[in-house]
């Protein structure tokens, strides 16, 4: 029996050519990782999935199947952050976020806050409105908090307040005016918290 058509927002995080005129698309939704196969994507045709460009935010309609690769029936471009590729630091940060998201967000996982933090991160990287280290720090903390791995720091109200400010930043709030060195220290601290989580896969690092 055919499944109902599903709709969701979808951030394109990886595209891979496959066979003759096909594209495998991996990305993130508010419900975790999702993958599509787009036919005729190499060489033309709207149905072929030309909307599946890297670092685009799309609204997609698809018929859910029991396979890993879904078949998308319709796409609408909401925002295009592909311009970040013109800036090496922004592009490197976006690639790290892509690898991290795809490695750590299984399908069917409620991750609406993490999804929103990644969307805002790409928007800010494209606009170069914040240091990449600041942007990644915020996303990492959202990931840890939403997964239940971030301490509440009840014994240190000042630390708890600083973390809350960074979480609010990652979800669209103001970016604290800190020196580059301070952001680098926060970035390394956030990555160290990730490494303490045995379930977390770090891009470019072997377990």
C-alpha atoms as a PDB file:
ATOM      1  CA  UNK A   1       0.000   0.000   0.000  1.00  0.00           C
ATOM      2  CA  UNK A   2       1.505   3.374  -0.999  1.00  0.00           C
ATOM      3  CA  UNK A   3       2.766   5.518   1.845  1.00  0.00           C
ATOM      4  CA  UNK A   4       1.513   9.069   2.372  1.00  0.00           C
ATOM      5  CA  UNK A   5       3.553  11.918   0.975  1.00  0.00           C
ATOM      6  CA  UNK A   6       5.872  13.368   3.612  1.00  0.00           C
ATOM      7  CA  UNK A   7       7.082  16.978   3.724  1.00  0.00           C
ATOM      8  CA  UNK A   8      10.032  18.457   5.554  1.00  0.00           C
ATOM      9  CA  UNK A   9      12.710  21.114   5.448  1.00  0.00           C
ATOM     10  CA  UNK A  10      16.021  19.687   4.279  1.00  0.00           C
ATOM     11  CA  UNK A  11      19.576  21.044   4.281  1.00  0.00           C
ATOM     12  CA  UNK A  12      21.744  19.614   1.489  1.00  0.00           C
ATOM     13  CA  UNK A  13      25.026  18.539   3.086  1.00  0.00           C
ATOM     14  CA  UNK A  14      26.522  16.140   0.550  1.00  0.00           C
ATOM     15  CA  UNK A  15      25.939  15.224  -3.091  1.00  0.00           C
ATOM     16  CA  UNK A  16      27.532  12.294  -4.920  1.00  0.00           C
ATOM     17  CA  UNK A  17      27.240  11.391  -8.597  1.00  0.00           C
ATOM     18  CA  UNK A  18      26.037   7.847  -9.093  1.00  0.00           C
ATOM     19  CA  UNK A  19      25.864   5.952 -12.365  1.00  0.00           C
ATOM     20  CA  UNK A  20      24.427   7.582 -15.462  1.00  0.00           C
ATOM     21  CA  UNK A  21      22.791  10.893 -14.625  1.00  0.00           C
ATOM     22  CA  UNK A  22      21.966  10.124 -10.998  1.00  0.00           C
ATOM     23  CA  UNK A  23      22.763  11.968  -7.799  1.00  0.00           C
ATOM     24  CA  UNK A  24      22.759  10.676  -4.242  1.00  0.00           C
ATOM     25  CA  UNK A  25      21.871  13.494  -1.861  1.00  0.00           C
ATOM     26  CA  UNK A  26      22.471  13.371   1.890  1.00  0.00           C
ATOM     27  CA  UNK A  27      21.247  16.003   4.273  1.00  0.00           C
ATOM     28  CA  UNK A  28      19.654  16.990   7.534  1.00  0.00           C
ATOM     29  CA  UNK A  29      16.031  17.504   8.557  1.00  0.00           C
ATOM     30  CA  UNK A  30      14.494  18.386  11.941  1.00  0.00           C
ATOM     31  CA  UNK A  31      14.000  14.612  12.265  1.00  0.00           C
ATOM     32  CA  UNK A  32      17.579  13.578  11.572  1.00  0.00           C
ATOM     33  CA  UNK A  33      19.492  12.466   8.498  1.00  0.00           C
ATOM     34  CA  UNK A  34      17.660  11.891   5.223  1.00  0.00           C
ATOM     35  CA  UNK A  35      18.947  10.695   1.840  1.00  0.00           C
ATOM     36  CA  UNK A  36      17.516  10.905  -1.677  1.00  0.00           C
ATOM     37  CA  UNK A  37      18.336   9.592  -5.097  1.00  0.00           C
ATOM     38  CA  UNK A  38      17.708  12.138  -7.842  1.00  0.00           C
ATOM     39  CA  UNK A  39      17.383  10.866 -11.417  1.00  0.00           C
ATOM     40  CA  UNK A  40      18.636  12.919 -14.316  1.00  0.00           C
ATOM     41  CA  UNK A  41      20.358  15.272 -11.884  1.00  0.00           C
ATOM     42  CA  UNK A  42      23.483  15.491 -14.005  1.00  0.00           C
ATOM     43  CA  UNK A  43      22.775  17.309 -17.197  1.00  0.00           C
ATOM     44  CA  UNK A  44      19.397  19.004 -16.841  1.00  0.00           C
ATOM     45  CA  UNK A  45      15.691  18.721 -16.208  1.00  0.00           C
ATOM     46  CA  UNK A  46      13.830  20.189 -13.222  1.00  0.00           C
ATOM     47  CA  UNK A  47      12.562  16.779 -12.218  1.00  0.00           C
ATOM     48  CA  UNK A  48      16.157  15.654 -12.153  1.00  0.00           C
ATOM     49  CA  UNK A  49      16.781  17.538  -8.931  1.00  0.00           C
ATOM     50  CA  UNK A  50      18.723  20.603  -9.924  1.00  0.00           C
ATOM     51  CA  UNK A  51      17.572  22.129  -6.628  1.00  0.00           C
ATOM     52  CA  UNK A  52      19.877  19.709  -4.805  1.00  0.00           C
ATOM     53  CA  UNK A  53      22.860  22.044  -4.657  1.00  0.00           C
ATOM     54  CA  UNK A  54      25.259  21.877  -1.729  1.00  0.00           C
ATOM     55  CA  UNK A  55      24.345  24.033   1.299  1.00  0.00           C
ATOM     56  CA  UNK A  56      20.820  24.822   0.152  1.00  0.00           C
ATOM     57  CA  UNK A  57      17.822  24.841   2.454  1.00  0.00           C
ATOM     58  CA  UNK A  58      14.909  23.154   0.695  1.00  0.00           C
ATOM     59  CA  UNK A  59      11.347  22.165   1.423  1.00  0.00           C
ATOM     60  CA  UNK A  60      10.926  18.665   0.035  1.00  0.00           C
ATOM     61  CA  UNK A  61       8.016  16.301  -0.587  1.00  0.00           C
ATOM     62  CA  UNK A  62       8.695  12.573  -0.809  1.00  0.00           C
ATOM     63  CA  UNK A  63       7.045   9.210  -0.450  1.00  0.00           C
ATOM     64  CA  UNK A  64       8.586   7.368   2.469  1.00  0.00           C
ATOM     65  CA  UNK A  65       9.888   3.868   1.762  1.00  0.00           C
ATOM     66  CA  UNK A  66      11.717   1.231   3.773  1.00  0.00           C
ATOM     67  CA  UNK A  67      14.880   1.958   1.802  1.00  0.00           C
ATOM     68  CA  UNK A  68      17.702   4.266   2.813  1.00  0.00           C
ATOM     69  CA  UNK A  69      17.375   6.366  -0.361  1.00  0.00           C
ATOM     70  CA  UNK A  70      14.030   8.117  -0.699  1.00  0.00           C
ATOM     71  CA  UNK A  71      12.574   9.309  -3.996  1.00  0.00           C
ATOM     72  CA  UNK A  72      11.799  12.998  -3.858  1.00  0.00           C
ATOM     73  CA  UNK A  73       8.717  14.202  -5.735  1.00  0.00           C
ATOM     74  CA  UNK A  74       9.028  17.973  -5.292  1.00  0.00           C
ATOM     75  CA  UNK A  75      11.524  20.533  -4.029  1.00  0.00           C
ATOM     76  CA  UNK A  76      11.304  24.232  -3.263  1.00  0.00           C
ATOM     77  CA  UNK A  77      14.375  26.348  -2.538  1.00  0.00           C
ATOM     78  CA  UNK A  78      13.984  28.311   0.689  1.00  0.00           C
ATOM     79  CA  UNK A  79      17.535  29.660   0.953  1.00  0.00           C
ATOM     80  CA  UNK A  80      20.860  29.161  -0.784  1.00  0.00           C
ATOM     81  CA  UNK A  81      24.031  29.362   1.313  1.00  0.00           C
ATOM     82  CA  UNK A  82      26.317  28.060  -1.429  1.00  0.00           C
ATOM     83  CA  UNK A  83      28.066  31.419  -1.631  1.00  0.00           C
ATOM     84  CA  UNK A  84      30.069  30.479   1.450  1.00  0.00           C
ATOM     85  CA  UNK A  85      32.250  28.355  -0.856  1.00  0.00           C
ATOM     86  CA  UNK A  86      33.933  31.585  -2.008  1.00  0.00           C
ATOM     87  CA  UNK A  87      35.581  31.941   1.400  1.00  0.00           C
ATOM     88  CA  UNK A  88      38.004  29.208   2.449  1.00  0.00           C
ATOM     89  CA  UNK A  89      37.481  29.470   6.223  1.00  0.00           C
ATOM     90  CA  UNK A  90      33.698  29.519   5.867  1.00  0.00           C
ATOM     91  CA  UNK A  91      33.739  26.602   3.437  1.00  0.00           C
ATOM     92  CA  UNK A  92      36.021  24.556   5.698  1.00  0.00           C
ATOM     93  CA  UNK A  93      33.723  25.176   8.661  1.00  0.00           C
ATOM     94  CA  UNK A  94      30.644  24.237   6.608  1.00  0.00           C
ATOM     95  CA  UNK A  95      32.297  21.012   5.472  1.00  0.00           C
ATOM     96  CA  UNK A  96      33.138  20.135   9.086  1.00  0.00           C
ATOM     97  CA  UNK A  97      29.527  20.753  10.113  1.00  0.00           C
ATOM     98  CA  UNK A  98      28.301  18.628   7.205  1.00  0.00           C
ATOM     99  CA  UNK A  99      30.529  15.695   8.102  1.00  0.00           C
ATOM    100  CA  UNK A 100      29.667  15.984  11.775  1.00  0.00           C
ATOM    101  CA  UNK A 101      25.921  16.161  11.137  1.00  0.00           C
ATOM    102  CA  UNK A 102      25.819  13.203   8.763  1.00  0.00           C
ATOM    103  CA  UNK A 103      27.987  11.088  11.069  1.00  0.00           C
ATOM    104  CA  UNK A 104      26.054  11.783  14.265  1.00  0.00           C
ATOM    105  CA  UNK A 105      22.414  12.352  13.303  1.00  0.00           C
ATOM    106  CA  UNK A 106      20.622   9.070  12.515  1.00  0.00           C
ATOM    107  CA  UNK A 107      17.327   9.027  10.636  1.00  0.00           C
ATOM    108  CA  UNK A 108      14.218   9.431  12.737  1.00  0.00           C
ATOM    109  CA  UNK A 109      15.893  11.404  15.534  1.00  0.00           C
ATOM    110  CA  UNK A 110      14.158  14.536  16.810  1.00  0.00           C
ATOM    111  CA  UNK A 111      16.892  17.161  16.444  1.00  0.00           C
ATOM    112  CA  UNK A 112      14.934  20.316  15.688  1.00  0.00           C
ATOM    113  CA  UNK A 113      17.254  22.577  17.693  1.00  0.00           C
ATOM    114  CA  UNK A 114      20.388  21.121  16.161  1.00  0.00           C
ATOM    115  CA  UNK A 115      18.822  21.482  12.695  1.00  0.00           C
ATOM    116  CA  UNK A 116      18.057  25.134  13.363  1.00  0.00           C
ATOM    117  CA  UNK A 117      21.572  25.761  14.676  1.00  0.00           C
ATOM    118  CA  UNK A 118      23.089  24.267  11.503  1.00  0.00           C
ATOM    119  CA  UNK A 119      20.790  26.385   9.333  1.00  0.00           C
ATOM    120  CA  UNK A 120      21.780  29.545  11.200  1.00  0.00           C
ATOM    121  CA  UNK A 121      25.437  28.499  11.067  1.00  0.00           C
ATOM    122  CA  UNK A 122      25.364  28.198   7.272  1.00  0.00           C
ATOM    123  CA  UNK A 123      23.557  31.521   6.994  1.00  0.00           C
ATOM    124  CA  UNK A 124      26.206  33.222   9.115  1.00  0.00           C
ATOM    125  CA  UNK A 125      29.077  31.521   7.308  1.00  0.00           C
ATOM    126  CA  UNK A 126      27.680  32.697   3.987  1.00  0.00           C
ATOM    127  CA  UNK A 127      27.326  36.259   5.314  1.00  0.00           C
ATOM    128  CA  UNK A 128      30.687  36.094   7.138  1.00  0.00           C
ATOM    129  CA  UNK A 129      28.922  37.654  10.112  1.00  0.00           C
ATOM    130  CA  UNK A 130      30.901  35.736  12.740  1.00  0.00           C
ATOM    131  CA  UNK A 131      34.131  33.812  13.155  1.00  0.00           C
ATOM    132  CA  UNK A 132      33.856  30.168  12.038  1.00  0.00           C
ATOM    133  CA  UNK A 133      35.186  29.073  15.446  1.00  0.00           C
ATOM    134  CA  UNK A 134      32.335  30.950  17.161  1.00  0.00           C
ATOM    135  CA  UNK A 135      29.748  29.427  14.833  1.00  0.00           C
ATOM    136  CA  UNK A 136      30.976  25.856  15.299  1.00  0.00           C
ATOM    137  CA  UNK A 137      31.210  26.317  19.072  1.00  0.00           C
ATOM    138  CA  UNK A 138      27.530  27.237  19.233  1.00  0.00           C
ATOM    139  CA  UNK A 139      26.411  24.299  17.081  1.00  0.00           C
ATOM    140  CA  UNK A 140      28.457  21.840  19.144  1.00  0.00           C
ATOM    141  CA  UNK A 141      26.891  23.062  22.382  1.00  0.00           C
ATOM    142  CA  UNK A 142      23.386  22.759  20.918  1.00  0.00           C
ATOM    143  CA  UNK A 143      24.202  19.189  19.866  1.00  0.00           C
ATOM    144  CA  UNK A 144      25.409  18.333  23.369  1.00  0.00           C
ATOM    145  CA  UNK A 145      22.477  20.007  25.114  1.00  0.00           C
ATOM    146  CA  UNK A 146      19.821  18.479  22.870  1.00  0.00           C
ATOM    147  CA  UNK A 147      21.398  15.052  23.286  1.00  0.00           C
ATOM    148  CA  UNK A 148      21.465  15.393  27.083  1.00  0.00           C
ATOM    149  CA  UNK A 149      25.274  15.331  27.271  1.00  0.00           C
ATOM    150  CA  UNK A 150      25.912  18.896  28.444  1.00  0.00           C
ATOM    151  CA  UNK A 151      26.221  19.466  32.179  1.00  0.00           C
ATOM    152  CA  UNK A 152      23.914  22.013  33.792  1.00  0.00           C
ATOM    153  CA  UNK A 153      26.927  23.303  35.780  1.00  0.00           C
ATOM    154  CA  UNK A 154      24.810  23.758  38.909  1.00  0.00           C
ATOM    155  CA  UNK A 155      28.009  24.296  40.902  1.00  0.00           C
ATOM    156  CA  UNK A 156      29.056  27.216  38.691  1.00  0.00           C
ATOM    157  CA  UNK A 157      26.253  29.690  37.906  1.00  0.00           C
ATOM    158  CA  UNK A 158      28.652  31.880  35.921  1.00  0.00           C
ATOM    159  CA  UNK A 159      29.617  28.995  33.611  1.00  0.00           C
ATOM    160  CA  UNK A 160      25.964  27.992  33.255  1.00  0.00           C
ATOM    161  CA  UNK A 161      25.068  31.560  32.245  1.00  0.00           C
ATOM    162  CA  UNK A 162      27.927  31.724  29.719  1.00  0.00           C
ATOM    163  CA  UNK A 163      26.767  28.461  28.142  1.00  0.00           C
ATOM    164  CA  UNK A 164      23.200  29.742  27.968  1.00  0.00           C
ATOM    165  CA  UNK A 165      24.414  32.833  26.099  1.00  0.00           C
ATOM    166  CA  UNK A 166      26.278  30.635  23.600  1.00  0.00           C
ATOM    167  CA  UNK A 167      23.232  28.401  23.118  1.00  0.00           C
ATOM    168  CA  UNK A 168      21.039  31.430  22.464  1.00  0.00           C
ATOM    169  CA  UNK A 169      23.656  32.701  20.001  1.00  0.00           C
ATOM    170  CA  UNK A 170      23.613  29.412  18.098  1.00  0.00           C
ATOM    171  CA  UNK A 171      19.830  29.615  17.734  1.00  0.00           C
ATOM    172  CA  UNK A 172      19.834  33.136  16.335  1.00  0.00           C
ATOM    173  CA  UNK A 173      20.693  35.358  19.272  1.00  0.00           C
ATOM    174  CA  UNK A 174      23.356  38.035  19.444  1.00  0.00           C
ATOM    175  CA  UNK A 175      26.980  37.004  18.988  1.00  0.00           C
ATOM    176  CA  UNK A 176      29.133  37.934  22.014  1.00  0.00           C
ATOM    177  CA  UNK A 177      31.938  40.351  21.245  1.00  0.00           C
ATOM    178  CA  UNK A 178      34.945  38.247  22.128  1.00  0.00           C
ATOM    179  CA  UNK A 179      38.505  38.352  20.834  1.00  0.00           C
ATOM    180  CA  UNK A 180      39.593  35.780  18.272  1.00  0.00           C
ATOM    181  CA  UNK A 181      41.799  34.046  20.847  1.00  0.00           C
ATOM    182  CA  UNK A 182      38.873  33.758  23.260  1.00  0.00           C
ATOM    183  CA  UNK A 183      36.726  32.131  20.567  1.00  0.00           C
ATOM    184  CA  UNK A 184      39.525  29.711  19.756  1.00  0.00           C
ATOM    185  CA  UNK A 185      39.726  28.693  23.421  1.00  0.00           C
ATOM    186  CA  UNK A 186      35.942  28.176  23.571  1.00  0.00           C
ATOM    187  CA  UNK A 187      36.094  26.223  20.332  1.00  0.00           C
ATOM    188  CA  UNK A 188      38.755  23.855  21.673  1.00  0.00           C
ATOM    189  CA  UNK A 189      36.810  23.460  24.933  1.00  0.00           C
ATOM    190  CA  UNK A 190      33.623  22.535  23.043  1.00  0.00           C
ATOM    191  CA  UNK A 191      35.512  19.995  20.913  1.00  0.00           C
ATOM    192  CA  UNK A 192      37.007  18.504  24.067  1.00  0.00           C
ATOM    193  CA  UNK A 193      33.473  18.009  25.423  1.00  0.00           C
ATOM    194  CA  UNK A 194      32.585  16.161  22.219  1.00  0.00           C
ATOM    195  CA  UNK A 195      35.591  13.873  22.559  1.00  0.00           C
ATOM    196  CA  UNK A 196      34.417  12.910  26.049  1.00  0.00           C
ATOM    197  CA  UNK A 197      31.256  11.458  24.503  1.00  0.00           C
ATOM    198  CA  UNK A 198      31.996   7.919  23.318  1.00  0.00           C
ATOM    199  CA  UNK A 199      28.995   7.989  20.981  1.00  0.00           C
ATOM    200  CA  UNK A 200      30.233  11.019  19.066  1.00  0.00           C
ATOM    201  CA  UNK A 201      32.096  10.678  15.758  1.00  0.00           C
ATOM    202  CA  UNK A 202      34.542  13.504  15.129  1.00  0.00           C
ATOM    203  CA  UNK A 203      35.320  14.388  11.493  1.00  0.00           C
ATOM    204  CA  UNK A 204      38.891  13.611  10.572  1.00  0.00           C
ATOM    205  CA  UNK A 205      39.674  11.824  13.822  1.00  0.00           C
ATOM    206  CA  UNK A 206      40.045   8.086  14.290  1.00  0.00           C
ATOM    207  CA  UNK A 207      38.520   6.446  17.351  1.00  0.00           C
END
